[in-house]
Structure formats: C-alpha cells, structure tokens
Amino acid sequence: MTEKVYNIGVENTMEIIGGKWKPIILCHLRHQTMRTGELRRAIPQITQKMLTQQLRELEDDDIITRRVYEQVPPKVEYSLSPLGETLAPILNQLCEWGENNIDRRRRDCGETIHLLNRDDVPKLKAN
C-alpha cells in the first residue's frame, strides 16, 4: 500500500468528492435512490460518459452503493452508502449556502439568476 500525506484533512475530502460533478450527484442522492437515467435528467449538463465515470469513482471510494437488479432490461440504482450518509450535513450546508448566495446576488447585485430547484422546498413526485 502506498503512503499518502495530507497537509490538512480537507485535502482528503476533496480528493474523494471534489470536482464539478461529484457534489452535485451526491446532493441528488441525499434525498432518494436514483437510476442512471434519473440522474441524467436531474443533471442535464453532464455527459453519460462523465456520469458513469463519476459514479464508478464514488462507488470505488464507498461513498455510494450500486444495486443491480437481474432483469431485462437491466435496472441499476444508486444510493448513498452508510459512509456517504455521513456527508449529508456537509452537502446540506453547501446547498443552503449556494441558495442563500443566489438570493443575495439577486437582491444586492440585481443579477438575473434562475434556480430551478430549491433544496428547502419539497419536490412533488410526478404521477
């Protein structure tokens, strides 16, 4: 096993959940188990290749679990692992900070910013 050295603990955190897409994926999985297609619809800017890569890395780091159902067509679901669940408070704070910052920028800077989903508003299930 190779030796790793971190100057501060957040380096380890960012190594595992850092980047553009992983925190977004994890924020969606905080609330529910999701299939690949559901994640793609929830994150329309991500490519299928990048989504697959990020999901594999999160699974390798034991942050998410992947459940495969033996059926035709195959069904795969992703959810936070017990270790991933420990990130929920951090992810909640990141979402809240972002929403508050958007509100501030709209109010103080007059920016036109569209926020399609607020974390503090329950999402309605489609029938």
Protein backbone atom coordinates (compact mmCIF):
# COMPACT_ATOMS: atom_id res chain seq x y z
CA MET A 1 0.00 0.00 0.00
CA THR A 2 1.33 3.46 -0.87
CA GLU A 3 1.84 6.12 1.74
CA LYS A 4 -0.23 9.30 1.46
CA VAL A 5 0.44 12.62 3.11
CA TYR A 6 -2.17 15.35 3.50
CA ASN A 7 -1.42 18.80 4.87
CA ILE A 8 -4.98 19.19 6.15
CA GLY A 9 -7.99 16.88 6.23
CA VAL A 10 -9.98 18.75 3.59
CA GLU A 11 -7.43 17.55 1.01
CA ASN A 12 -8.69 14.00 1.58
CA THR A 13 -12.30 15.14 1.39
CA MET A 14 -11.72 16.96 -1.89
CA GLU A 15 -9.80 14.02 -3.31
CA ILE A 16 -12.91 11.89 -2.82
CA ILE A 17 -15.83 14.26 -3.50
CA GLY A 18 -14.16 17.17 -5.29
CA GLY A 19 -14.69 18.28 -8.85
CA LYS A 20 -17.60 19.70 -10.77
CA TRP A 21 -19.95 16.72 -10.78
CA LYS A 22 -19.50 14.59 -7.65
CA PRO A 23 -21.03 17.05 -5.17
CA ILE A 24 -24.00 17.54 -7.50
CA ILE A 25 -24.53 13.79 -7.85
CA LEU A 26 -24.27 13.36 -4.10
CA CYS A 27 -26.73 16.18 -3.42
CA HIS A 28 -29.32 14.42 -5.58
CA LEU A 29 -28.70 11.07 -3.89
CA ARG A 30 -29.19 12.58 -0.40
CA HIS A 31 -32.94 12.54 -0.87
CA GLN A 32 -33.55 9.35 -2.81
CA THR A 33 -32.20 6.32 -4.60
CA MET A 34 -31.89 7.08 -8.29
CA ARG A 35 -31.32 5.26 -11.55
CA THR A 36 -28.76 6.44 -14.11
CA GLY A 37 -31.44 7.97 -16.36
CA GLU A 38 -32.93 9.88 -13.44
CA LEU A 39 -29.53 11.32 -12.59
CA ARG A 40 -29.00 12.32 -16.23
CA ARG A 41 -32.34 14.16 -16.25
CA ALA A 42 -31.55 15.81 -12.92
CA ILE A 43 -28.12 16.93 -14.20
CA PRO A 44 -28.71 17.66 -17.89
CA GLN A 45 -25.27 19.21 -18.49
CA ILE A 46 -23.34 16.03 -17.59
CA THR A 47 -22.45 13.58 -20.35
CA GLN A 48 -23.27 9.90 -19.98
CA LYS A 49 -19.55 9.06 -20.04
CA MET A 50 -18.76 11.54 -17.25
CA LEU A 51 -21.73 10.41 -15.16
CA THR A 52 -20.64 6.79 -15.44
CA GLN A 53 -17.04 7.69 -14.54
CA GLN A 54 -18.06 9.76 -11.52
CA LEU A 55 -20.47 7.09 -10.26
CA ARG A 56 -17.75 4.44 -10.53
CA GLU A 57 -15.26 6.59 -8.62
CA LEU A 58 -17.80 7.32 -5.86
CA GLU A 59 -18.61 3.61 -5.66
CA ASP A 60 -14.89 2.71 -5.52
CA ASP A 61 -14.49 5.15 -2.60
CA ASP A 62 -17.50 3.55 -0.83
CA ILE A 63 -19.49 6.81 -0.92
CA ILE A 64 -22.37 5.35 -2.94
CA THR A 65 -23.78 1.89 -3.42
CA ARG A 66 -24.80 0.39 -6.74
CA ARG A 67 -27.61 -2.14 -6.78
CA VAL A 68 -28.12 -4.20 -9.92
CA TYR A 69 -31.45 -5.93 -10.48
CA GLU A 70 -31.23 -9.08 -12.61
CA GLN A 71 -33.97 -8.34 -15.11
CA VAL A 72 -34.44 -7.40 -18.74
CA PRO A 73 -33.80 -4.58 -19.38
CA PRO A 74 -31.21 -4.31 -16.60
CA LYS A 75 -32.05 -1.97 -13.74
CA VAL A 76 -29.33 -0.25 -11.70
CA GLU A 77 -29.96 2.02 -8.73
CA TYR A 78 -27.56 4.27 -6.84
CA SER A 79 -27.85 5.48 -3.27
CA LEU A 80 -25.61 6.88 -0.57
CA SER A 81 -23.69 4.24 1.36
CA PRO A 82 -23.52 4.46 5.15
CA LEU A 83 -20.20 6.32 4.72
CA GLY A 84 -21.82 8.59 2.12
CA GLU A 85 -24.67 9.34 4.53
CA THR A 86 -22.13 10.94 6.86
CA LEU A 87 -21.59 13.59 4.16
CA ALA A 88 -25.27 14.64 4.21
CA PRO A 89 -24.83 17.50 6.72
CA ILE A 90 -21.95 18.92 4.68
CA LEU A 91 -23.90 18.60 1.43
CA ASN A 92 -26.94 20.23 3.06
CA GLN A 93 -24.80 23.18 4.11
CA LEU A 94 -23.30 23.52 0.61
CA CYS A 95 -26.79 23.58 -0.93
CA GLU A 96 -28.05 26.09 1.63
CA TRP A 97 -25.02 28.33 1.16
CA GLY A 98 -25.48 28.30 -2.62
CA GLU A 99 -29.18 29.16 -2.36
CA ASN A 100 -28.51 31.98 0.09
CA ASN A 101 -25.76 33.33 -2.15
CA ILE A 102 -28.10 33.29 -5.16
CA ASP A 103 -30.70 35.17 -3.12
CA ARG A 104 -28.04 37.71 -2.06
CA ARG A 105 -26.81 38.21 -5.63
CA ARG A 106 -30.36 38.73 -6.88
CA ARG A 107 -31.13 41.20 -4.09
CA ASP A 108 -27.85 43.11 -3.81
CA CYS A 109 -26.44 42.92 -7.34
CA GLY A 110 -29.64 42.77 -9.37
CA GLU A 111 -28.44 39.63 -11.13
CA THR A 112 -30.94 37.55 -13.06
CA ILE A 113 -30.33 34.02 -11.84
CA HIS A 114 -32.69 31.12 -12.37
CA LEU A 115 -32.64 28.43 -9.66
CA LEU A 116 -34.76 25.55 -10.91
CA ASN A 117 -34.94 23.62 -7.63
CA ARG A 118 -34.57 24.84 -4.07
CA ASP A 119 -33.39 22.32 -1.54
CA ASP A 120 -35.65 23.78 1.15
CA VAL A 121 -38.80 23.21 -0.93
CA PRO A 122 -40.10 19.63 -1.04
CA LYS A 123 -40.20 18.23 -4.56
CA LEU A 124 -43.52 16.90 -5.78
CA LYS A 125 -43.49 13.39 -7.21
CA ALA A 126 -44.79 13.08 -10.75
CA ASN A 127 -47.78 10.75 -11.13
